[in-house]
Amino acid sequence: MEPIEKSVLNLICDHFDLALEKINLDAHFIKDLGVESIDAIEFIIMCEHKFHLIIPDKEVELLLTPRNAINYIERHL
């Protein structure tokens, strides 16, 4: 597992109280993982702080899965 992927998955586990083995990289945060939209937004803010990024609102709407978040962070670091 790559360092960014590991960091993002750990944030997901901690913030959403999910076990790592239950997370599918292509699972939709809201539909598949049962995350409330406000919690998903808080997760994006946590990613911004952790990786020192500013994710524009129009991009936030596209970060619907762990894989989307990981790929976005990798492209913008």
N, C-alpha and C. Protein backbone atom coordinates (compact mmCIF):
# COMPACT_ATOMS: atom_id res chain seq x y z
N MET A 1 0.85 -1.17 0.00
CA MET A 1 0.00 0.00 0.00
C MET A 1 0.90 1.24 0.00
N GLU A 2 0.58 2.18 -0.87
CA GLU A 2 1.34 3.42 -0.99
C GLU A 2 1.10 4.31 0.24
N PRO A 3 2.07 5.18 0.56
CA PRO A 3 1.92 6.03 1.76
C PRO A 3 0.67 6.93 1.74
N ILE A 4 0.36 7.54 0.59
CA ILE A 4 -0.82 8.41 0.53
C ILE A 4 -2.08 7.58 0.70
N GLU A 5 -2.14 6.45 0.02
CA GLU A 5 -3.30 5.56 0.15
C GLU A 5 -3.48 5.14 1.61
N LYS A 6 -2.40 4.75 2.23
CA LYS A 6 -2.47 4.33 3.63
C LYS A 6 -2.95 5.46 4.53
N SER A 7 -2.44 6.67 4.31
CA SER A 7 -2.85 7.82 5.12
C SER A 7 -4.32 8.14 4.94
N VAL A 8 -4.79 8.13 3.69
CA VAL A 8 -6.20 8.42 3.42
C VAL A 8 -7.09 7.35 4.04
N LEU A 9 -6.72 6.09 3.88
CA LEU A 9 -7.53 5.01 4.45
C LEU A 9 -7.55 5.09 5.97
N ASN A 10 -6.44 5.46 6.58
CA ASN A 10 -6.42 5.63 8.03
C ASN A 10 -7.32 6.78 8.47
N LEU A 11 -7.34 7.87 7.71
CA LEU A 11 -8.26 8.97 8.01
C LEU A 11 -9.70 8.50 7.93
N ILE A 12 -10.00 7.73 6.90
CA ILE A 12 -11.36 7.21 6.73
C ILE A 12 -11.73 6.33 7.91
N CYS A 13 -10.85 5.42 8.27
CA CYS A 13 -11.11 4.51 9.40
C CYS A 13 -11.37 5.29 10.68
N ASP A 14 -10.51 6.25 10.95
CA ASP A 14 -10.63 7.02 12.18
C ASP A 14 -11.86 7.92 12.19
N HIS A 15 -12.07 8.64 11.10
CA HIS A 15 -13.15 9.62 11.07
C HIS A 15 -14.54 8.97 11.00
N PHE A 16 -14.64 7.89 10.24
CA PHE A 16 -15.94 7.24 10.06
C PHE A 16 -16.11 6.01 10.93
N ASP A 17 -15.11 5.73 11.76
CA ASP A 17 -15.16 4.57 12.66
C ASP A 17 -15.44 3.28 11.90
N LEU A 18 -14.62 3.04 10.86
CA LEU A 18 -14.75 1.85 10.03
C LEU A 18 -13.48 1.01 10.14
N ALA A 19 -13.63 -0.29 10.02
CA ALA A 19 -12.48 -1.18 10.01
C ALA A 19 -11.85 -1.15 8.62
N LEU A 20 -10.53 -1.14 8.56
CA LEU A 20 -9.80 -1.05 7.30
C LEU A 20 -10.23 -2.13 6.32
N GLU A 21 -10.40 -3.34 6.80
CA GLU A 21 -10.76 -4.45 5.91
C GLU A 21 -12.17 -4.32 5.32
N LYS A 22 -12.97 -3.42 5.86
CA LYS A 22 -14.33 -3.21 5.36
C LYS A 22 -14.39 -2.13 4.27
N ILE A 23 -13.26 -1.47 4.04
CA ILE A 23 -13.25 -0.36 3.08
C ILE A 23 -12.83 -0.86 1.70
N ASN A 24 -13.72 -0.65 0.74
CA ASN A 24 -13.44 -0.93 -0.65
C ASN A 24 -13.07 0.42 -1.27
N LEU A 25 -12.00 0.46 -2.04
CA LEU A 25 -11.55 1.73 -2.61
C LEU A 25 -12.59 2.38 -3.51
N ASP A 26 -13.49 1.58 -4.05
CA ASP A 26 -14.50 2.13 -4.96
C ASP A 26 -15.86 2.30 -4.29
N ALA A 27 -15.92 2.13 -2.98
CA ALA A 27 -17.19 2.30 -2.26
C ALA A 27 -17.54 3.78 -2.19
N HIS A 28 -18.78 4.09 -2.49
CA HIS A 28 -19.28 5.46 -2.40
C HIS A 28 -19.44 5.80 -0.92
N PHE A 29 -18.90 6.94 -0.51
CA PHE A 29 -18.93 7.30 0.91
C PHE A 29 -20.35 7.27 1.48
N ILE A 30 -21.28 7.88 0.77
CA ILE A 30 -22.64 8.00 1.30
C ILE A 30 -23.48 6.76 1.03
N LYS A 31 -23.48 6.30 -0.22
CA LYS A 31 -24.34 5.17 -0.61
C LYS A 31 -23.88 3.83 -0.05
N ASP A 32 -22.56 3.59 -0.09
CA ASP A 32 -22.05 2.27 0.31
C ASP A 32 -21.55 2.20 1.74
N LEU A 33 -20.95 3.29 2.20
CA LEU A 33 -20.36 3.29 3.55
C LEU A 33 -21.28 3.90 4.60
N GLY A 34 -22.40 4.46 4.15
CA GLY A 34 -23.37 5.01 5.09
C GLY A 34 -22.93 6.29 5.78
N VAL A 35 -22.02 7.01 5.15
CA VAL A 35 -21.50 8.25 5.72
C VAL A 35 -22.50 9.38 5.45
N GLU A 36 -22.73 10.22 6.43
CA GLU A 36 -23.59 11.39 6.23
C GLU A 36 -22.80 12.44 5.46
N SER A 37 -23.51 13.25 4.68
CA SER A 37 -22.82 14.22 3.82
C SER A 37 -21.95 15.20 4.61
N ILE A 38 -22.38 15.61 5.78
CA ILE A 38 -21.58 16.54 6.58
C ILE A 38 -20.28 15.88 7.03
N ASP A 39 -20.33 14.59 7.33
CA ASP A 39 -19.12 13.86 7.71
C ASP A 39 -18.17 13.71 6.53
N ALA A 40 -18.73 13.53 5.34
CA ALA A 40 -17.91 13.44 4.14
C ALA A 40 -17.17 14.76 3.90
N ILE A 41 -17.85 15.87 4.13
CA ILE A 41 -17.22 17.18 3.98
C ILE A 41 -16.13 17.37 5.02
N GLU A 42 -16.37 16.95 6.24
CA GLU A 42 -15.35 17.03 7.29
C GLU A 42 -14.12 16.20 6.92
N PHE A 43 -14.36 15.04 6.30
CA PHE A 43 -13.25 14.20 5.85
C PHE A 43 -12.40 14.93 4.82
N ILE A 44 -13.04 15.61 3.88
CA ILE A 44 -12.30 16.36 2.87
C ILE A 44 -11.47 17.47 3.52
N ILE A 45 -12.03 18.13 4.50
CA ILE A 45 -11.30 19.17 5.24
C ILE A 45 -10.09 18.57 5.95
N MET A 46 -10.27 17.39 6.52
CA MET A 46 -9.15 16.70 7.18
C MET A 46 -8.06 16.38 6.17
N CYS A 47 -8.44 15.96 4.98
CA CYS A 47 -7.46 15.68 3.93
C CYS A 47 -6.72 16.95 3.54
N GLU A 48 -7.44 18.06 3.42
CA GLU A 48 -6.80 19.33 3.09
C GLU A 48 -5.74 19.68 4.13
N HIS A 49 -6.07 19.52 5.40
CA HIS A 49 -5.12 19.85 6.47
C HIS A 49 -3.94 18.89 6.48
N LYS A 50 -4.23 17.62 6.37
CA LYS A 50 -3.16 16.61 6.44
C LYS A 50 -2.17 16.75 5.29
N PHE A 51 -2.68 17.00 4.09
CA PHE A 51 -1.82 17.03 2.91
C PHE A 51 -1.51 18.45 2.42
N HIS A 52 -1.93 19.46 3.20
CA HIS A 52 -1.64 20.86 2.89
C HIS A 52 -2.14 21.23 1.49
N LEU A 53 -3.41 20.92 1.24
CA LEU A 53 -4.06 21.21 -0.04
C LEU A 53 -5.27 22.11 0.18
N ILE A 54 -5.66 22.76 -0.87
CA ILE A 54 -6.96 23.43 -0.90
C ILE A 54 -7.72 22.77 -2.05
N ILE A 55 -8.81 22.12 -1.71
CA ILE A 55 -9.61 21.42 -2.71
C ILE A 55 -10.81 22.32 -3.04
N PRO A 56 -10.87 22.81 -4.28
CA PRO A 56 -11.99 23.68 -4.67
C PRO A 56 -13.33 22.96 -4.54
N ASP A 57 -14.37 23.73 -4.24
CA ASP A 57 -15.70 23.15 -4.05
C ASP A 57 -16.14 22.29 -5.23
N LYS A 58 -15.84 22.73 -6.45
CA LYS A 58 -16.26 21.95 -7.62
C LYS A 58 -15.54 20.60 -7.68
N GLU A 59 -14.37 20.51 -7.09
CA GLU A 59 -13.63 19.25 -7.05
C GLU A 59 -14.13 18.36 -5.91
N VAL A 60 -14.54 18.97 -4.81
CA VAL A 60 -15.03 18.21 -3.65
C VAL A 60 -16.18 17.31 -4.08
N GLU A 61 -17.03 17.81 -4.94
CA GLU A 61 -18.20 17.05 -5.39
C GLU A 61 -17.82 15.78 -6.14
N LEU A 62 -16.58 15.71 -6.62
CA LEU A 62 -16.12 14.54 -7.38
C LEU A 62 -15.43 13.50 -6.50
N LEU A 63 -15.14 13.85 -5.27
CA LEU A 63 -14.42 12.95 -4.37
C LEU A 63 -15.41 12.10 -3.59
N LEU A 64 -16.02 11.16 -4.29
CA LEU A 64 -17.10 10.36 -3.71
C LEU A 64 -16.67 8.99 -3.21
N THR A 65 -15.44 8.60 -3.51
CA THR A 65 -14.94 7.30 -3.08
C THR A 65 -13.53 7.46 -2.53
N PRO A 66 -13.07 6.49 -1.76
CA PRO A 66 -11.68 6.56 -1.29
C PRO A 66 -10.69 6.65 -2.46
N ARG A 67 -10.94 5.90 -3.54
CA ARG A 67 -10.03 5.94 -4.69
C ARG A 67 -9.99 7.34 -5.30
N ASN A 68 -11.15 8.00 -5.44
CA ASN A 68 -11.19 9.37 -5.96
C ASN A 68 -10.35 10.30 -5.10
N ALA A 69 -10.50 10.19 -3.78
CA ALA A 69 -9.75 11.05 -2.86
C ALA A 69 -8.25 10.78 -2.98
N ILE A 70 -7.86 9.53 -3.00
CA ILE A 70 -6.44 9.17 -3.10
C ILE A 70 -5.85 9.69 -4.41
N ASN A 71 -6.54 9.45 -5.52
CA ASN A 71 -6.05 9.90 -6.82
C ASN A 71 -5.92 11.42 -6.88
N TYR A 72 -6.91 12.11 -6.34
CA TYR A 72 -6.87 13.58 -6.34
C TYR A 72 -5.65 14.07 -5.55
N ILE A 73 -5.45 13.54 -4.38
CA ILE A 73 -4.33 13.96 -3.53
C ILE A 73 -3.00 13.65 -4.21
N GLU A 74 -2.88 12.47 -4.79
CA GLU A 74 -1.63 12.11 -5.47
C GLU A 74 -1.33 13.07 -6.64
N ARG A 75 -2.36 13.47 -7.38
CA ARG A 75 -2.18 14.37 -8.52
C ARG A 75 -1.82 15.80 -8.09
N HIS A 76 -2.24 16.20 -6.90
CA HIS A 76 -2.08 17.60 -6.51
C HIS A 76 -1.00 17.85 -5.46
N LEU A 77 -0.26 16.84 -5.11
CA LEU A 77 0.85 17.05 -4.15
C LEU A 77 2.10 17.49 -4.90
